[in-house]
N, C-alpha and C. Protein backbone atom coordinates (compact mmCIF):
# COMPACT_ATOMS: atom_id res chain seq x y z
N MET A 1 -1.26 -9.57 21.90
CA MET A 1 -1.03 -8.43 21.11
C MET A 1 -2.31 -7.67 20.85
N ASN A 2 -2.21 -6.39 20.86
CA ASN A 2 -3.41 -5.51 20.66
C ASN A 2 -4.09 -5.78 19.32
N ARG A 3 -5.39 -5.71 19.31
CA ARG A 3 -6.16 -5.97 18.07
C ARG A 3 -5.84 -4.92 16.97
N LEU A 4 -5.66 -3.70 17.36
CA LEU A 4 -5.31 -2.65 16.35
C LEU A 4 -3.96 -2.90 15.77
N VAL A 5 -3.02 -3.38 16.56
CA VAL A 5 -1.67 -3.64 16.05
C VAL A 5 -1.71 -4.82 15.07
N ARG A 6 -2.51 -5.84 15.41
CA ARG A 6 -2.59 -7.05 14.50
C ARG A 6 -3.21 -6.56 13.15
N ILE A 7 -4.21 -5.76 13.19
CA ILE A 7 -4.80 -5.23 11.91
C ILE A 7 -3.76 -4.41 11.16
N ALA A 8 -2.96 -3.61 11.86
CA ALA A 8 -1.96 -2.80 11.18
C ALA A 8 -0.88 -3.71 10.56
N LEU A 9 -0.48 -4.71 11.24
CA LEU A 9 0.52 -5.64 10.70
C LEU A 9 -0.02 -6.36 9.47
N THR A 10 -1.27 -6.68 9.50
CA THR A 10 -1.92 -7.33 8.36
C THR A 10 -1.94 -6.36 7.13
N LEU A 11 -2.21 -5.11 7.41
CA LEU A 11 -2.19 -4.12 6.37
C LEU A 11 -0.79 -3.93 5.78
N PHE A 12 0.22 -3.96 6.66
CA PHE A 12 1.58 -3.76 6.16
C PHE A 12 2.05 -4.94 5.30
N ILE A 13 1.68 -6.16 5.72
CA ILE A 13 2.03 -7.39 4.97
C ILE A 13 1.29 -7.34 3.63
N SER A 14 0.01 -6.98 3.64
CA SER A 14 -0.76 -6.93 2.38
C SER A 14 -0.15 -5.90 1.41
N ALA A 15 0.27 -4.70 1.99
CA ALA A 15 0.82 -3.67 1.16
C ALA A 15 2.17 -4.12 0.56
N SER A 16 2.93 -4.88 1.34
CA SER A 16 4.21 -5.39 0.82
C SER A 16 4.03 -6.31 -0.33
N ILE A 17 3.06 -7.19 -0.20
CA ILE A 17 2.77 -8.13 -1.29
C ILE A 17 2.25 -7.37 -2.54
N LEU A 18 1.40 -6.38 -2.29
CA LEU A 18 0.87 -5.60 -3.41
C LEU A 18 1.97 -4.80 -4.12
N ILE A 19 3.00 -4.37 -3.35
CA ILE A 19 4.11 -3.62 -3.97
C ILE A 19 4.80 -4.56 -4.97
N PHE A 20 5.03 -5.79 -4.63
CA PHE A 20 5.69 -6.73 -5.51
C PHE A 20 4.83 -6.96 -6.76
N LEU A 21 3.55 -7.10 -6.60
CA LEU A 21 2.63 -7.28 -7.73
C LEU A 21 2.60 -6.04 -8.61
N VAL A 22 2.63 -4.88 -8.03
CA VAL A 22 2.66 -3.62 -8.80
C VAL A 22 3.97 -3.47 -9.60
N LEU A 23 5.07 -3.89 -8.98
CA LEU A 23 6.36 -3.82 -9.67
C LEU A 23 6.39 -4.77 -10.84
N GLN A 24 5.78 -5.93 -10.70
CA GLN A 24 5.70 -6.84 -11.84
C GLN A 24 4.85 -6.25 -12.96
N ARG A 25 3.79 -5.53 -12.61
CA ARG A 25 2.95 -4.91 -13.58
C ARG A 25 3.67 -3.81 -14.25
N LEU A 26 4.49 -3.08 -13.53
CA LEU A 26 5.28 -1.99 -14.08
C LEU A 26 6.31 -2.52 -15.09
N GLN A 27 6.88 -3.65 -14.77
CA GLN A 27 7.88 -4.29 -15.68
C GLN A 27 7.13 -4.65 -17.03
N ARG A 28 5.98 -5.24 -16.89
CA ARG A 28 5.22 -5.54 -18.10
C ARG A 28 4.76 -4.34 -18.89
N ALA A 29 4.49 -3.26 -18.20
CA ALA A 29 4.09 -2.02 -18.87
C ALA A 29 5.31 -1.50 -19.66
N LYS A 30 6.51 -1.54 -19.05
CA LYS A 30 7.67 -1.03 -19.75
C LYS A 30 7.99 -1.85 -20.96
N GLU A 31 7.82 -3.19 -20.82
CA GLU A 31 8.02 -4.06 -21.94
C GLU A 31 7.04 -3.81 -23.06
N ALA A 32 5.79 -3.59 -22.68
CA ALA A 32 4.75 -3.33 -23.71
C ALA A 32 5.03 -2.02 -24.43
N ALA A 33 5.44 -1.01 -23.64
CA ALA A 33 5.78 0.27 -24.23
C ALA A 33 7.00 0.21 -25.18
N ALA A 34 7.92 -0.62 -24.83
CA ALA A 34 9.19 -0.71 -25.65
C ALA A 34 8.92 -1.56 -26.94
N SER A 35 8.09 -2.59 -26.79
CA SER A 35 7.92 -3.52 -27.92
C SER A 35 6.88 -3.04 -28.95
N LEU A 36 5.97 -2.20 -28.60
CA LEU A 36 4.91 -1.77 -29.49
C LEU A 36 5.21 -0.41 -30.09
N ARG A 37 4.70 -0.19 -31.25
CA ARG A 37 4.83 1.11 -31.85
C ARG A 37 4.11 2.19 -31.04
N GLY A 38 4.65 3.33 -31.08
CA GLY A 38 4.03 4.43 -30.34
C GLY A 38 4.63 4.61 -28.91
N GLY A 39 5.41 3.68 -28.47
CA GLY A 39 6.07 3.82 -27.16
C GLY A 39 5.06 3.97 -26.04
N THR A 40 5.27 4.97 -25.21
CA THR A 40 4.38 5.20 -24.06
C THR A 40 3.00 5.78 -24.47
N HIS A 41 2.84 6.14 -25.74
CA HIS A 41 1.58 6.67 -26.19
C HIS A 41 0.66 5.57 -26.64
N ASN A 42 1.13 4.35 -26.57
CA ASN A 42 0.33 3.21 -26.91
C ASN A 42 -0.81 3.06 -25.92
N PRO A 43 -2.04 2.86 -26.33
CA PRO A 43 -3.17 2.69 -25.38
C PRO A 43 -2.96 1.56 -24.33
N MET A 44 -2.37 0.44 -24.79
CA MET A 44 -2.12 -0.65 -23.88
C MET A 44 -1.10 -0.29 -22.81
N ALA A 45 -0.01 0.39 -23.20
CA ALA A 45 0.97 0.83 -22.26
C ALA A 45 0.41 1.80 -21.29
N GLU A 46 -0.39 2.73 -21.78
CA GLU A 46 -0.99 3.78 -20.92
C GLU A 46 -1.94 3.14 -19.91
N SER A 47 -2.68 2.10 -20.34
CA SER A 47 -3.57 1.40 -19.38
C SER A 47 -2.72 0.72 -18.34
N GLU A 48 -1.59 0.08 -18.68
CA GLU A 48 -0.78 -0.62 -17.72
C GLU A 48 -0.22 0.38 -16.73
N PHE A 49 0.28 1.55 -17.23
CA PHE A 49 0.82 2.51 -16.34
C PHE A 49 -0.24 3.09 -15.40
N GLN A 50 -1.50 3.21 -15.85
CA GLN A 50 -2.58 3.71 -15.03
C GLN A 50 -2.82 2.70 -13.89
N MET A 51 -2.78 1.39 -14.25
CA MET A 51 -2.97 0.40 -13.21
C MET A 51 -1.89 0.46 -12.14
N VAL A 52 -0.67 0.73 -12.60
CA VAL A 52 0.47 0.85 -11.66
C VAL A 52 0.20 2.02 -10.71
N TYR A 53 -0.24 3.17 -11.26
CA TYR A 53 -0.53 4.31 -10.38
C TYR A 53 -1.60 4.01 -9.42
N ILE A 54 -2.69 3.34 -9.82
CA ILE A 54 -3.80 2.95 -8.96
C ILE A 54 -3.28 2.03 -7.86
N GLY A 55 -2.47 1.03 -8.23
CA GLY A 55 -1.93 0.08 -7.25
C GLY A 55 -1.04 0.79 -6.22
N MET A 56 -0.23 1.75 -6.68
CA MET A 56 0.62 2.45 -5.69
C MET A 56 -0.23 3.38 -4.79
N GLY A 57 -1.30 3.89 -5.34
CA GLY A 57 -2.24 4.66 -4.47
C GLY A 57 -2.85 3.80 -3.39
N ILE A 58 -3.25 2.61 -3.77
CA ILE A 58 -3.85 1.66 -2.78
C ILE A 58 -2.84 1.29 -1.76
N VAL A 59 -1.53 1.07 -2.24
CA VAL A 59 -0.49 0.74 -1.20
C VAL A 59 -0.28 1.91 -0.22
N GLY A 60 -0.34 3.13 -0.76
CA GLY A 60 -0.15 4.27 0.12
C GLY A 60 -1.27 4.44 1.12
N VAL A 61 -2.51 4.16 0.70
CA VAL A 61 -3.64 4.21 1.64
C VAL A 61 -3.53 3.14 2.71
N MET A 62 -3.09 1.96 2.28
CA MET A 62 -2.96 0.84 3.26
C MET A 62 -1.88 1.15 4.28
N LEU A 63 -0.77 1.69 3.84
CA LEU A 63 0.34 2.09 4.74
C LEU A 63 -0.11 3.19 5.72
N ALA A 64 -0.78 4.21 5.18
CA ALA A 64 -1.28 5.28 6.01
C ALA A 64 -2.29 4.79 7.06
N ALA A 65 -3.14 3.89 6.65
CA ALA A 65 -4.14 3.33 7.61
C ALA A 65 -3.42 2.50 8.66
N GLY A 66 -2.41 1.77 8.26
CA GLY A 66 -1.65 0.97 9.27
C GLY A 66 -0.92 1.87 10.27
N ILE A 67 -0.31 2.96 9.77
CA ILE A 67 0.36 3.88 10.69
C ILE A 67 -0.69 4.54 11.65
N GLY A 68 -1.85 4.88 11.08
CA GLY A 68 -2.92 5.45 11.90
C GLY A 68 -3.38 4.50 12.99
N LEU A 69 -3.47 3.23 12.65
CA LEU A 69 -3.91 2.23 13.63
C LEU A 69 -2.84 2.06 14.77
N ILE A 70 -1.60 2.07 14.38
CA ILE A 70 -0.51 1.95 15.36
C ILE A 70 -0.54 3.13 16.30
N ILE A 71 -0.73 4.37 15.75
CA ILE A 71 -0.82 5.58 16.57
C ILE A 71 -2.05 5.51 17.50
N ALA A 72 -3.19 5.04 16.99
CA ALA A 72 -4.37 4.89 17.81
C ALA A 72 -4.12 3.86 18.94
N ALA A 73 -3.39 2.78 18.63
CA ALA A 73 -3.13 1.76 19.64
C ALA A 73 -2.20 2.33 20.75
N ILE A 74 -1.24 3.16 20.35
CA ILE A 74 -0.33 3.79 21.32
C ILE A 74 -1.13 4.78 22.26
N ILE A 75 -1.98 5.58 21.61
CA ILE A 75 -2.76 6.54 22.41
C ILE A 75 -3.73 5.85 23.35
N LYS A 76 -4.34 4.79 22.86
CA LYS A 76 -5.29 4.02 23.65
C LYS A 76 -4.57 3.31 24.81
N GLY A 77 -3.38 2.81 24.58
CA GLY A 77 -2.64 2.14 25.64
C GLY A 77 -2.18 3.10 26.71
N ARG A 78 -1.85 4.37 26.26
CA ARG A 78 -1.41 5.37 27.24
C ARG A 78 -2.60 5.82 28.12
N GLN A 79 -3.77 5.97 27.48
CA GLN A 79 -4.95 6.37 28.18
C GLN A 79 -5.38 5.32 29.22
N GLN A 80 -5.28 4.01 28.85
CA GLN A 80 -5.59 2.94 29.80
C GLN A 80 -4.60 2.95 30.94
N LYS A 81 -3.35 3.18 30.62
CA LYS A 81 -2.35 3.17 31.73
C LYS A 81 -2.59 4.34 32.67
N LEU A 82 -2.92 5.48 32.13
CA LEU A 82 -3.22 6.65 33.06
C LEU A 82 -4.46 6.43 33.88
N ASP A 83 -5.45 5.76 33.27
CA ASP A 83 -6.66 5.54 33.99
C ASP A 83 -6.45 4.51 35.09
N SER A 84 -5.62 3.52 34.86
CA SER A 84 -5.35 2.53 35.90
C SER A 84 -4.42 3.00 37.01
N ASP A 85 -3.54 3.99 36.70
CA ASP A 85 -2.65 4.57 37.65
C ASP A 85 -3.35 5.56 38.56
N GLY A 86 -4.32 6.34 37.93
CA GLY A 86 -4.90 7.44 38.71
C GLY A 86 -6.14 7.04 39.30
């Protein structure tokens, strides 16, 4: 298997695990917002929601990088095939 594809698969697996962790964090943030006075205006709840947004941003970057690596591997494979044929 191509090295770029292996790296991309590792990124996809890591992003999947991070999504589950972020969802758990989101659940705790909702519980904190519901149980404490002030609701979502509570500093603790706002901090938890901020961490969720940061986590989802990291997941998005990891997925975009993985897709970029897959596209790079496809382009590289086509170029090598054209060079060996011609």
